[in-house]
């Protein structure tokens, strides 16, 4: 998943795979499995990208409501326990990061 999401091993999480409108000349909703929305159930923290919370957002860092944006299609939703979490920073910028979560799915 994109971004640094350091979720400790042993935490219960809920993962949402959502559709995003990727259309250029019209609406074209496609699942985004490499960009899941993750809810750490042990802490209540949500980890996601701006479009998860507001698909019309221009990327501004503003207050967000938890959970997927209303009307955003959910393709898959599952929960599990974090067995391993690897956060990799690439380049000079702290926004150039990716997280790999391995879950014991419930």
PDB file of N, CA and C in Angstrom:
ATOM      1  N   UNK A   1       0.847  -1.163   0.000  1.00  0.00           N
ATOM      2  CA  UNK A   1       0.000   0.000   0.000  1.00  0.00           C
ATOM      3  C   UNK A   1       0.892   1.226   0.000  1.00  0.00           C
ATOM      4  N   UNK A   2       0.414   2.305  -0.616  1.00  0.00           N
ATOM      5  CA  UNK A   2       1.182   3.539  -0.668  1.00  0.00           C
ATOM      6  C   UNK A   2       1.193   4.207   0.699  1.00  0.00           C
ATOM      7  N   UNK A   3       2.304   4.843   1.033  1.00  0.00           N
ATOM      8  CA  UNK A   3       2.415   5.598   2.278  1.00  0.00           C
ATOM      9  C   UNK A   3       2.937   4.768   3.431  1.00  0.00           C
ATOM     10  N   UNK A   4       3.372   5.468   4.458  1.00  0.00           N
ATOM     11  CA  UNK A   4       3.888   4.817   5.660  1.00  0.00           C
ATOM     12  C   UNK A   4       2.733   4.544   6.612  1.00  0.00           C
ATOM     13  N   UNK A   5       2.460   3.276   6.834  1.00  0.00           N
ATOM     14  CA  UNK A   5       1.378   2.860   7.736  1.00  0.00           C
ATOM     15  C   UNK A   5       1.950   1.851   8.725  1.00  0.00           C
ATOM     16  N   UNK A   6       2.698   2.330   9.713  1.00  0.00           N
ATOM     17  CA  UNK A   6       3.378   1.415  10.649  1.00  0.00           C
ATOM     18  C   UNK A   6       2.413   0.820  11.672  1.00  0.00           C
ATOM     19  N   UNK A   7       1.742  -0.245  11.286  1.00  0.00           N
ATOM     20  CA  UNK A   7       0.770  -0.898  12.161  1.00  0.00           C
ATOM     21  C   UNK A   7       1.479  -2.036  12.889  1.00  0.00           C
ATOM     22  N   UNK A   8       1.495  -2.008  14.210  1.00  0.00           N
ATOM     23  CA  UNK A   8       2.239  -3.017  14.969  1.00  0.00           C
ATOM     24  C   UNK A   8       1.719  -4.444  14.780  1.00  0.00           C
ATOM     25  N   UNK A   9       2.648  -5.378  14.823  1.00  0.00           N
ATOM     26  CA  UNK A   9       2.318  -6.799  14.773  1.00  0.00           C
ATOM     27  C   UNK A   9       1.394  -7.114  15.951  1.00  0.00           C
ATOM     28  N   UNK A  10       0.364  -7.903  15.681  1.00  0.00           N
ATOM     29  CA  UNK A  10      -0.601  -8.280  16.709  1.00  0.00           C
ATOM     30  C   UNK A  10      -1.863  -7.440  16.703  1.00  0.00           C
ATOM     31  N   UNK A  11      -1.842  -6.294  16.016  1.00  0.00           N
ATOM     32  CA  UNK A  11      -3.043  -5.459  15.957  1.00  0.00           C
ATOM     33  C   UNK A  11      -4.059  -6.070  14.994  1.00  0.00           C
ATOM     34  N   UNK A  12      -5.340  -5.964  15.355  1.00  0.00           N
ATOM     35  CA  UNK A  12      -6.432  -6.365  14.468  1.00  0.00           C
ATOM     36  C   UNK A  12      -6.722  -5.207  13.526  1.00  0.00           C
ATOM     37  N   UNK A  13      -6.896  -5.526  12.248  1.00  0.00           N
ATOM     38  CA  UNK A  13      -7.185  -4.508  11.241  1.00  0.00           C
ATOM     39  C   UNK A  13      -8.359  -4.950  10.382  1.00  0.00           C
ATOM     40  N   UNK A  14      -9.006  -3.955   9.781  1.00  0.00           N
ATOM     41  CA  UNK A  14     -10.031  -4.193   8.780  1.00  0.00           C
ATOM     42  C   UNK A  14      -9.540  -3.525   7.496  1.00  0.00           C
ATOM     43  N   UNK A  15      -9.588  -4.256   6.391  1.00  0.00           N
ATOM     44  CA  UNK A  15      -9.057  -3.773   5.118  1.00  0.00           C
ATOM     45  C   UNK A  15     -10.208  -3.617   4.122  1.00  0.00           C
ATOM     46  N   UNK A  16     -10.230  -2.488   3.437  1.00  0.00           N
ATOM     47  CA  UNK A  16     -11.239  -2.192   2.428  1.00  0.00           C
ATOM     48  C   UNK A  16     -10.542  -2.012   1.082  1.00  0.00           C
ATOM     49  N   UNK A  17     -10.964  -2.764   0.075  1.00  0.00           N
ATOM     50  CA  UNK A  17     -10.526  -2.522  -1.296  1.00  0.00           C
ATOM     51  C   UNK A  17     -11.674  -1.769  -1.958  1.00  0.00           C
ATOM     52  N   UNK A  18     -11.375  -0.571  -2.407  1.00  0.00           N
ATOM     53  CA  UNK A  18     -12.393   0.323  -2.953  1.00  0.00           C
ATOM     54  C   UNK A  18     -12.204   0.519  -4.447  1.00  0.00           C
ATOM     55  N   UNK A  19     -13.258   0.977  -5.114  1.00  0.00           N
ATOM     56  CA  UNK A  19     -13.176   1.370  -6.521  1.00  0.00           C
ATOM     57  C   UNK A  19     -12.923   2.869  -6.596  1.00  0.00           C
ATOM     58  N   UNK A  20     -12.167   3.238  -7.607  1.00  0.00           N
ATOM     59  CA  UNK A  20     -11.882   4.648  -7.846  1.00  0.00           C
ATOM     60  C   UNK A  20     -12.256   4.981  -9.284  1.00  0.00           C
ATOM     61  N   UNK A  21     -12.771   6.169  -9.479  1.00  0.00           N
ATOM     62  CA  UNK A  21     -13.109   6.622 -10.830  1.00  0.00           C
ATOM     63  C   UNK A  21     -11.816   7.010 -11.539  1.00  0.00           C
ATOM     64  N   UNK A  22     -11.414   6.204 -12.525  1.00  0.00           N
ATOM     65  CA  UNK A  22     -10.179   6.454 -13.273  1.00  0.00           C
ATOM     66  C   UNK A  22     -10.468   6.932 -14.697  1.00  0.00           C
ATOM     67  N   UNK A  23     -11.743   7.214 -14.970  1.00  0.00           N
ATOM     68  CA  UNK A  23     -12.140   7.645 -16.308  1.00  0.00           C
ATOM     69  C   UNK A  23     -11.600   9.018 -16.661  1.00  0.00           C
ATOM     70  N   UNK A  24     -11.269   9.189 -17.928  1.00  0.00           N
ATOM     71  CA  UNK A  24     -10.771  10.475 -18.420  1.00  0.00           C
ATOM     72  C   UNK A  24     -11.911  11.259 -19.073  1.00  0.00           C
ATOM     73  N   UNK A  25     -12.678  10.586 -19.915  1.00  0.00           N
ATOM     74  CA  UNK A  25     -13.767  11.248 -20.631  1.00  0.00           C
ATOM     75  C   UNK A  25     -15.139  10.796 -20.140  1.00  0.00           C
ATOM     76  N   UNK A  26     -15.178  10.121 -19.039  1.00  0.00           N
ATOM     77  CA  UNK A  26     -16.421   9.636 -18.456  1.00  0.00           C
ATOM     78  C   UNK A  26     -16.099   8.866 -17.190  1.00  0.00           C
ATOM     79  N   UNK A  27     -17.113   8.323 -16.586  1.00  0.00           N
ATOM     80  CA  UNK A  27     -16.909   7.574 -15.345  1.00  0.00           C
ATOM     81  C   UNK A  27     -16.462   6.151 -15.676  1.00  0.00           C
ATOM     82  N   UNK A  28     -15.418   5.705 -14.967  1.00  0.00           N
ATOM     83  CA  UNK A  28     -14.898   4.347 -15.144  1.00  0.00           C
ATOM     84  C   UNK A  28     -14.326   3.904 -13.802  1.00  0.00           C
ATOM     85  N   UNK A  29     -15.156   3.224 -13.004  1.00  0.00           N
ATOM     86  CA  UNK A  29     -14.751   2.799 -11.673  1.00  0.00           C
ATOM     87  C   UNK A  29     -13.986   1.478 -11.749  1.00  0.00           C
ATOM     88  N   UNK A  30     -12.780   1.470 -11.190  1.00  0.00           N
ATOM     89  CA  UNK A  30     -11.928   0.280 -11.187  1.00  0.00           C
ATOM     90  C   UNK A  30     -11.469  -0.009  -9.754  1.00  0.00           C
ATOM     91  N   UNK A  31     -11.414  -1.297  -9.364  1.00  0.00           N
ATOM     92  CA  UNK A  31     -10.874  -1.657  -8.048  1.00  0.00           C
ATOM     93  C   UNK A  31      -9.403  -1.246  -7.943  1.00  0.00           C
ATOM     94  N   UNK A  32      -9.012  -0.831  -6.749  1.00  0.00           N
ATOM     95  CA  UNK A  32      -7.641  -0.392  -6.493  1.00  0.00           C
ATOM     96  C   UNK A  32      -7.014  -1.273  -5.397  1.00  0.00           C
ATOM     97  N   UNK A  33      -6.678  -2.539  -5.719  1.00  0.00           N
ATOM     98  CA  UNK A  33      -6.177  -3.454  -4.687  1.00  0.00           C
ATOM     99  C   UNK A  33      -4.827  -3.060  -4.096  1.00  0.00           C
ATOM    100  N   UNK A  34      -4.031  -2.250  -4.804  1.00  0.00           N
ATOM    101  CA  UNK A  34      -2.742  -1.827  -4.248  1.00  0.00           C
ATOM    102  C   UNK A  34      -2.857  -0.570  -3.397  1.00  0.00           C
ATOM    103  N   UNK A  35      -4.084  -0.042  -3.275  1.00  0.00           N
ATOM    104  CA  UNK A  35      -4.323   1.151  -2.459  1.00  0.00           C
ATOM    105  C   UNK A  35      -5.459   0.896  -1.471  1.00  0.00           C
ATOM    106  N   UNK A  36      -5.299  -0.065  -0.579  1.00  0.00           N
ATOM    107  CA  UNK A  36      -6.397  -0.347   0.353  1.00  0.00           C
ATOM    108  C   UNK A  36      -6.539   0.740   1.415  1.00  0.00           C
ATOM    109  N   UNK A  37      -7.744   0.842   1.936  1.00  0.00           N
ATOM    110  CA  UNK A  37      -8.026   1.663   3.117  1.00  0.00           C
ATOM    111  C   UNK A  37      -7.949   0.705   4.303  1.00  0.00           C
ATOM    112  N   UNK A  38      -7.145   1.056   5.306  1.00  0.00           N
ATOM    113  CA  UNK A  38      -6.928   0.148   6.433  1.00  0.00           C
ATOM    114  C   UNK A  38      -7.356   0.822   7.732  1.00  0.00           C
ATOM    115  N   UNK A  39      -8.160   0.122   8.512  1.00  0.00           N
ATOM    116  CA  UNK A  39      -8.608   0.598   9.819  1.00  0.00           C
ATOM    117  C   UNK A  39      -7.951  -0.280  10.877  1.00  0.00           C
ATOM    118  N   UNK A  40      -7.088   0.316  11.695  1.00  0.00           N
ATOM    119  CA  UNK A  40      -6.460  -0.399  12.808  1.00  0.00           C
ATOM    120  C   UNK A  40      -7.497  -0.475  13.922  1.00  0.00           C
ATOM    121  N   UNK A  41      -8.080  -1.645  14.105  1.00  0.00           N
ATOM    122  CA  UNK A  41      -9.143  -1.818  15.093  1.00  0.00           C
ATOM    123  C   UNK A  41      -8.617  -1.759  16.522  1.00  0.00           C
ATOM    124  N   UNK A  42      -7.317  -1.983  16.691  1.00  0.00           N
ATOM    125  CA  UNK A  42      -6.728  -1.934  18.034  1.00  0.00           C
ATOM    126  C   UNK A  42      -6.555  -0.515  18.538  1.00  0.00           C
ATOM    127  N   UNK A  43      -6.377   0.444  17.613  1.00  0.00           N
ATOM    128  CA  UNK A  43      -6.165   1.839  18.020  1.00  0.00           C
ATOM    129  C   UNK A  43      -7.260   2.779  17.525  1.00  0.00           C
ATOM    130  N   UNK A  44      -7.997   2.348  16.499  1.00  0.00           N
ATOM    131  CA  UNK A  44      -9.010   3.214  15.904  1.00  0.00           C
ATOM    132  C   UNK A  44      -8.485   4.100  14.794  1.00  0.00           C
ATOM    133  N   UNK A  45      -7.196   4.014  14.467  1.00  0.00           N
ATOM    134  CA  UNK A  45      -6.589   4.862  13.441  1.00  0.00           C
ATOM    135  C   UNK A  45      -6.921   4.322  12.049  1.00  0.00           C
ATOM    136  N   UNK A  46      -7.265   5.236  11.132  1.00  0.00           N
ATOM    137  CA  UNK A  46      -7.514   4.908   9.733  1.00  0.00           C
ATOM    138  C   UNK A  46      -6.300   5.304   8.910  1.00  0.00           C
ATOM    139  N   UNK A  47      -5.854   4.430   8.001  1.00  0.00           N
ATOM    140  CA  UNK A  47      -4.735   4.704   7.096  1.00  0.00           C
ATOM    141  C   UNK A  47      -5.264   4.667   5.675  1.00  0.00           C
ATOM    142  N   UNK A  48      -5.137   5.779   4.952  1.00  0.00           N
ATOM    143  CA  UNK A  48      -5.644   5.805   3.590  1.00  0.00           C
ATOM    144  C   UNK A  48      -5.126   6.989   2.809  1.00  0.00           C
ATOM    145  N   UNK A  49      -5.571   7.056   1.568  1.00  0.00           N
ATOM    146  CA  UNK A  49      -5.207   8.151   0.674  1.00  0.00           C
ATOM    147  C   UNK A  49      -6.372   9.146   0.642  1.00  0.00           C
ATOM    148  N   UNK A  50      -6.130  10.326   0.117  1.00  0.00           N
ATOM    149  CA  UNK A  50      -7.160  11.361   0.144  1.00  0.00           C
ATOM    150  C   UNK A  50      -8.445  10.898  -0.530  1.00  0.00           C
ATOM    151  N   UNK A  51      -8.364  10.174  -1.646  1.00  0.00           N
ATOM    152  CA  UNK A  51      -9.566   9.772  -2.379  1.00  0.00           C
ATOM    153  C   UNK A  51     -10.410   8.765  -1.603  1.00  0.00           C
ATOM    154  N   UNK A  52      -9.827   8.031  -0.652  1.00  0.00           N
ATOM    155  CA  UNK A  52     -10.611   7.097   0.158  1.00  0.00           C
ATOM    156  C   UNK A  52     -11.682   7.829   0.976  1.00  0.00           C
ATOM    157  N   UNK A  53     -11.337   9.008   1.425  1.00  0.00           N
ATOM    158  CA  UNK A  53     -12.207   9.772   2.311  1.00  0.00           C
ATOM    159  C   UNK A  53     -13.081  10.774   1.566  1.00  0.00           C
ATOM    160  N   UNK A  54     -12.592  11.232   0.407  1.00  0.00           N
ATOM    161  CA  UNK A  54     -13.351  12.178  -0.412  1.00  0.00           C
ATOM    162  C   UNK A  54     -12.858  12.070  -1.848  1.00  0.00           C
ATOM    163  N   UNK A  55     -13.613  11.393  -2.726  1.00  0.00           N
ATOM    164  CA  UNK A  55     -13.138  11.183  -4.096  1.00  0.00           C
ATOM    165  C   UNK A  55     -13.000  12.467  -4.909  1.00  0.00           C
ATOM    166  N   UNK A  56     -13.580  13.563  -4.439  1.00  0.00           N
ATOM    167  CA  UNK A  56     -13.472  14.838  -5.158  1.00  0.00           C
ATOM    168  C   UNK A  56     -12.366  15.726  -4.605  1.00  0.00           C
ATOM    169  N   UNK A  57     -11.631  15.224  -3.643  1.00  0.00           N
ATOM    170  CA  UNK A  57     -10.577  16.001  -2.992  1.00  0.00           C
ATOM    171  C   UNK A  57      -9.417  16.232  -3.957  1.00  0.00           C
ATOM    172  N   UNK A  58      -8.887  17.417  -3.940  1.00  0.00           N
ATOM    173  CA  UNK A  58      -7.753  17.750  -4.803  1.00  0.00           C
ATOM    174  C   UNK A  58      -6.423  17.442  -4.124  1.00  0.00           C
ATOM    175  N   UNK A  59      -6.440  16.668  -3.046  1.00  0.00           N
ATOM    176  CA  UNK A  59      -5.199  16.315  -2.367  1.00  0.00           C
ATOM    177  C   UNK A  59      -4.838  17.268  -1.250  1.00  0.00           C
ATOM    178  N   UNK A  60      -5.770  18.117  -0.867  1.00  0.00           N
ATOM    179  CA  UNK A  60      -5.492  19.057   0.209  1.00  0.00           C
ATOM    180  C   UNK A  60      -5.536  18.333   1.548  1.00  0.00           C
ATOM    181  N   UNK A  61      -4.682  18.711   2.447  1.00  0.00           N
ATOM    182  CA  UNK A  61      -4.656  18.095   3.769  1.00  0.00           C
ATOM    183  C   UNK A  61      -5.630  18.841   4.674  1.00  0.00           C
ATOM    184  N   UNK A  62      -6.839  18.299   4.746  1.00  0.00           N
ATOM    185  CA  UNK A  62      -7.909  18.877   5.540  1.00  0.00           C
ATOM    186  C   UNK A  62      -8.445  17.818   6.488  1.00  0.00           C
ATOM    187  N   UNK A  63      -9.219  18.219   7.496  1.00  0.00           N
ATOM    188  CA  UNK A  63      -9.810  17.221   8.394  1.00  0.00           C
ATOM    189  C   UNK A  63     -10.670  16.219   7.616  1.00  0.00           C
ATOM    190  N   UNK A  64     -10.647  14.975   8.058  1.00  0.00           N
ATOM    191  CA  UNK A  64     -11.377  13.903   7.376  1.00  0.00           C
ATOM    192  C   UNK A  64     -12.338  13.220   8.339  1.00  0.00           C
ATOM    193  N   UNK A  65     -13.392  12.650   7.802  1.00  0.00           N
ATOM    194  CA  UNK A  65     -14.267  11.773   8.571  1.00  0.00           C
ATOM    195  C   UNK A  65     -13.759  10.354   8.378  1.00  0.00           C
ATOM    196  N   UNK A  66     -13.843   9.510   9.417  1.00  0.00           N
ATOM    197  CA  UNK A  66     -13.339   8.145   9.278  1.00  0.00           C
ATOM    198  C   UNK A  66     -14.207   7.316   8.333  1.00  0.00           C
ATOM    199  N   UNK A  67     -13.598   6.312   7.755  1.00  0.00           N
ATOM    200  CA  UNK A  67     -14.313   5.383   6.888  1.00  0.00           C
ATOM    201  C   UNK A  67     -14.300   5.806   5.445  1.00  0.00           C
ATOM    202  N   UNK A  68     -14.706   4.880   4.563  1.00  0.00           N
ATOM    203  CA  UNK A  68     -14.760   5.208   3.139  1.00  0.00           C
ATOM    204  C   UNK A  68     -15.765   6.322   2.870  1.00  0.00           C
ATOM    205  N   UNK A  69     -15.474   7.118   1.850  1.00  0.00           N
ATOM    206  CA  UNK A  69     -16.392   8.187   1.461  1.00  0.00           C
ATOM    207  C   UNK A  69     -17.748   7.600   1.116  1.00  0.00           C
ATOM    208  N   UNK A  70     -18.834   8.268   1.504  1.00  0.00           N
ATOM    209  CA  UNK A  70     -20.171   7.781   1.149  1.00  0.00           C
ATOM    210  C   UNK A  70     -20.291   7.589  -0.362  1.00  0.00           C
ATOM    211  N   UNK A  71     -20.864   6.454  -0.752  1.00  0.00           N
ATOM    212  CA  UNK A  71     -21.052   6.159  -2.163  1.00  0.00           C
ATOM    213  C   UNK A  71     -19.865   5.514  -2.852  1.00  0.00           C
ATOM    214  N   UNK A  72     -18.736   5.399  -2.170  1.00  0.00           N
ATOM    215  CA  UNK A  72     -17.565   4.761  -2.774  1.00  0.00           C
ATOM    216  C   UNK A  72     -17.784   3.248  -2.793  1.00  0.00           C
ATOM    217  N   UNK A  73     -17.723   2.631  -3.978  1.00  0.00           N
ATOM    218  CA  UNK A  73     -17.956   1.185  -4.049  1.00  0.00           C
ATOM    219  C   UNK A  73     -16.869   0.384  -3.320  1.00  0.00           C
ATOM    220  N   UNK A  74     -17.299  -0.516  -2.446  1.00  0.00           N
ATOM    221  CA  UNK A  74     -16.392  -1.410  -1.729  1.00  0.00           C
ATOM    222  C   UNK A  74     -16.387  -2.744  -2.463  1.00  0.00           C
ATOM    223  N   UNK A  75     -15.222  -3.156  -2.966  1.00  0.00           N
ATOM    224  CA  UNK A  75     -15.089  -4.397  -3.717  1.00  0.00           C
ATOM    225  C   UNK A  75     -14.868  -5.578  -2.776  1.00  0.00           C
ATOM    226  N   UNK A  76     -14.070  -5.339  -1.744  1.00  0.00           N
ATOM    227  CA  UNK A  76     -13.729  -6.394  -0.799  1.00  0.00           C
ATOM    228  C   UNK A  76     -13.504  -5.770   0.568  1.00  0.00           C
ATOM    229  N   UNK A  77     -13.876  -6.532   1.604  1.00  0.00           N
ATOM    230  CA  UNK A  77     -13.704  -6.059   2.982  1.00  0.00           C
ATOM    231  C   UNK A  77     -13.392  -7.298   3.829  1.00  0.00           C
ATOM    232  N   UNK A  78     -12.269  -7.252   4.541  1.00  0.00           N
ATOM    233  CA  UNK A  78     -11.907  -8.390   5.380  1.00  0.00           C
ATOM    234  C   UNK A  78     -11.125  -7.895   6.586  1.00  0.00           C
ATOM    235  N   UNK A  79     -11.013  -8.741   7.593  1.00  0.00           N
ATOM    236  CA  UNK A  79     -10.252  -8.370   8.790  1.00  0.00           C
ATOM    237  C   UNK A  79      -9.256  -9.467   9.111  1.00  0.00           C
ATOM    238  N   UNK A  80      -8.288  -9.105   9.925  1.00  0.00           N
ATOM    239  CA  UNK A  80      -7.257 -10.048  10.319  1.00  0.00           C
ATOM    240  C   UNK A  80      -6.332  -9.431  11.341  1.00  0.00           C
ATOM    241  N   UNK A  81      -5.307 -10.189  11.676  1.00  0.00           N
ATOM    242  CA  UNK A  81      -4.306  -9.751  12.646  1.00  0.00           C
ATOM    243  C   UNK A  81      -2.987  -9.554  11.902  1.00  0.00           C
ATOM    244  N   UNK A  82      -2.318  -8.422  12.153  1.00  0.00           N
ATOM    245  CA  UNK A  82      -1.046  -8.130  11.492  1.00  0.00           C
ATOM    246  C   UNK A  82       0.009  -9.122  11.968  1.00  0.00           C
ATOM    247  N   UNK A  83       0.564  -9.885  11.022  1.00  0.00           N
ATOM    248  CA  UNK A  83       1.629 -10.845  11.326  1.00  0.00           C
ATOM    249  C   UNK A  83       2.998 -10.235  11.037  1.00  0.00           C
ATOM    250  N   UNK A  84       3.023  -9.264  10.092  1.00  0.00           N
ATOM    251  CA  UNK A  84       4.288  -8.622   9.724  1.00  0.00           C
ATOM    252  C   UNK A  84       3.973  -7.287   9.063  1.00  0.00           C
ATOM    253  N   UNK A  85       4.774  -6.285   9.365  1.00  0.00           N
ATOM    254  CA  UNK A  85       4.598  -4.956   8.763  1.00  0.00           C
ATOM    255  C   UNK A  85       5.972  -4.442   8.347  1.00  0.00           C
ATOM    256  N   UNK A  86       6.110  -4.105   7.060  1.00  0.00           N
ATOM    257  CA  UNK A  86       7.372  -3.573   6.543  1.00  0.00           C
ATOM    258  C   UNK A  86       7.082  -2.212   5.921  1.00  0.00           C
ATOM    259  N   UNK A  87       7.748  -1.163   6.404  1.00  0.00           N
ATOM    260  CA  UNK A  87       7.598   0.184   5.863  1.00  0.00           C
ATOM    261  C   UNK A  87       8.910   0.552   5.180  1.00  0.00           C
ATOM    262  N   UNK A  88       8.829   0.926   3.899  1.00  0.00           N
ATOM    263  CA  UNK A  88      10.015   1.273   3.122  1.00  0.00           C
ATOM    264  C   UNK A  88       9.906   2.721   2.680  1.00  0.00           C
ATOM    265  N   UNK A  89      10.942   3.511   2.968  1.00  0.00           N
ATOM    266  CA  UNK A  89      11.017   4.884   2.485  1.00  0.00           C
ATOM    267  C   UNK A  89      11.940   4.913   1.281  1.00  0.00           C
ATOM    268  N   UNK A  90      11.465   5.558   0.211  1.00  0.00           N
ATOM    269  CA  UNK A  90      12.238   5.632  -1.024  1.00  0.00           C
ATOM    270  C   UNK A  90      12.584   7.080  -1.308  1.00  0.00           C
ATOM    271  N   UNK A  91      13.804   7.342  -1.639  1.00  0.00           N
ATOM    272  CA  UNK A  91      14.196   8.692  -2.018  1.00  0.00           C
ATOM    273  C   UNK A  91      14.344   9.619  -0.821  1.00  0.00           C
ATOM    274  N   UNK A  92      14.299  10.902  -1.100  1.00  0.00           N
ATOM    275  CA  UNK A  92      14.564  11.939  -0.114  1.00  0.00           C
ATOM    276  C   UNK A  92      13.312  12.396   0.629  1.00  0.00           C
ATOM    277  N   UNK A  93      12.157  12.163   0.049  1.00  0.00           N
ATOM    278  CA  UNK A  93      10.921  12.704   0.605  1.00  0.00           C
ATOM    279  C   UNK A  93      10.226  11.701   1.519  1.00  0.00           C
ATOM    280  N   UNK A  94       9.663  12.167   2.638  1.00  0.00           N
ATOM    281  CA  UNK A  94       8.939  11.258   3.516  1.00  0.00           C
ATOM    282  C   UNK A  94       7.625  10.754   2.917  1.00  0.00           C
ATOM    283  N   UNK A  95       7.164  11.374   1.815  1.00  0.00           N
ATOM    284  CA  UNK A  95       5.942  10.889   1.177  1.00  0.00           C
ATOM    285  C   UNK A  95       6.220   9.753   0.200  1.00  0.00           C
ATOM    286  N   UNK A  96       7.479   9.504  -0.088  1.00  0.00           N
ATOM    287  CA  UNK A  96       7.862   8.394  -0.962  1.00  0.00           C
ATOM    288  C   UNK A  96       8.031   7.145  -0.113  1.00  0.00           C
ATOM    289  N   UNK A  97       6.913   6.586   0.333  1.00  0.00           N
ATOM    290  CA  UNK A  97       6.950   5.431   1.221  1.00  0.00           C
ATOM    291  C   UNK A  97       5.886   4.421   0.800  1.00  0.00           C
ATOM    292  N   UNK A  98       6.147   3.175   1.165  1.00  0.00           N
ATOM    293  CA  UNK A  98       5.185   2.096   0.908  1.00  0.00           C
ATOM    294  C   UNK A  98       5.186   1.154   2.113  1.00  0.00           C
ATOM    295  N   UNK A  99       4.045   0.532   2.356  1.00  0.00           N
ATOM    296  CA  UNK A  99       3.896  -0.398   3.462  1.00  0.00           C
ATOM    297  C   UNK A  99       3.413  -1.736   2.932  1.00  0.00           C
ATOM    298  N   UNK A 100       4.011  -2.799   3.430  1.00  0.00           N
ATOM    299  CA  UNK A 100       3.559  -4.155   3.122  1.00  0.00           C
ATOM    300  C   UNK A 100       3.058  -4.757   4.422  1.00  0.00           C
ATOM    301  N   UNK A 101       1.798  -5.172   4.426  1.00  0.00           N
ATOM    302  CA  UNK A 101       1.221  -5.831   5.590  1.00  0.00           C
ATOM    303  C   UNK A 101       0.963  -7.298   5.253  1.00  0.00           C
ATOM    304  N   UNK A 102       1.378  -8.171   6.138  1.00  0.00           N
ATOM    305  CA  UNK A 102       1.026  -9.580   6.038  1.00  0.00           C
ATOM    306  C   UNK A 102       0.053  -9.852   7.167  1.00  0.00           C
ATOM    307  N   UNK A 103      -1.120 -10.383   6.812  1.00  0.00           N
ATOM    308  CA  UNK A 103      -2.183 -10.593   7.798  1.00  0.00           C
ATOM    309  C   UNK A 103      -2.512 -12.063   7.948  1.00  0.00           C
ATOM    310  N   UNK A 104      -2.893 -12.433   9.155  1.00  0.00           N
ATOM    311  CA  UNK A 104      -3.568 -13.684   9.393  1.00  0.00           C
ATOM    312  C   UNK A 104      -5.054 -13.343   9.291  1.00  0.00           C
ATOM    313  N   UNK A 105      -5.632 -13.641   8.129  1.00  0.00           N
ATOM    314  CA  UNK A 105      -7.011 -13.239   7.850  1.00  0.00           C
ATOM    315  C   UNK A 105      -7.979 -14.097   8.668  1.00  0.00           C
ATOM    316  N   UNK A 106      -8.987 -13.426   9.234  1.00  0.00           N
ATOM    317  CA  UNK A 106      -9.992 -14.102  10.050  1.00  0.00           C
ATOM    318  C   UNK A 106     -11.120 -14.638   9.184  1.00  0.00           C
TER     319      UNK A 106
END
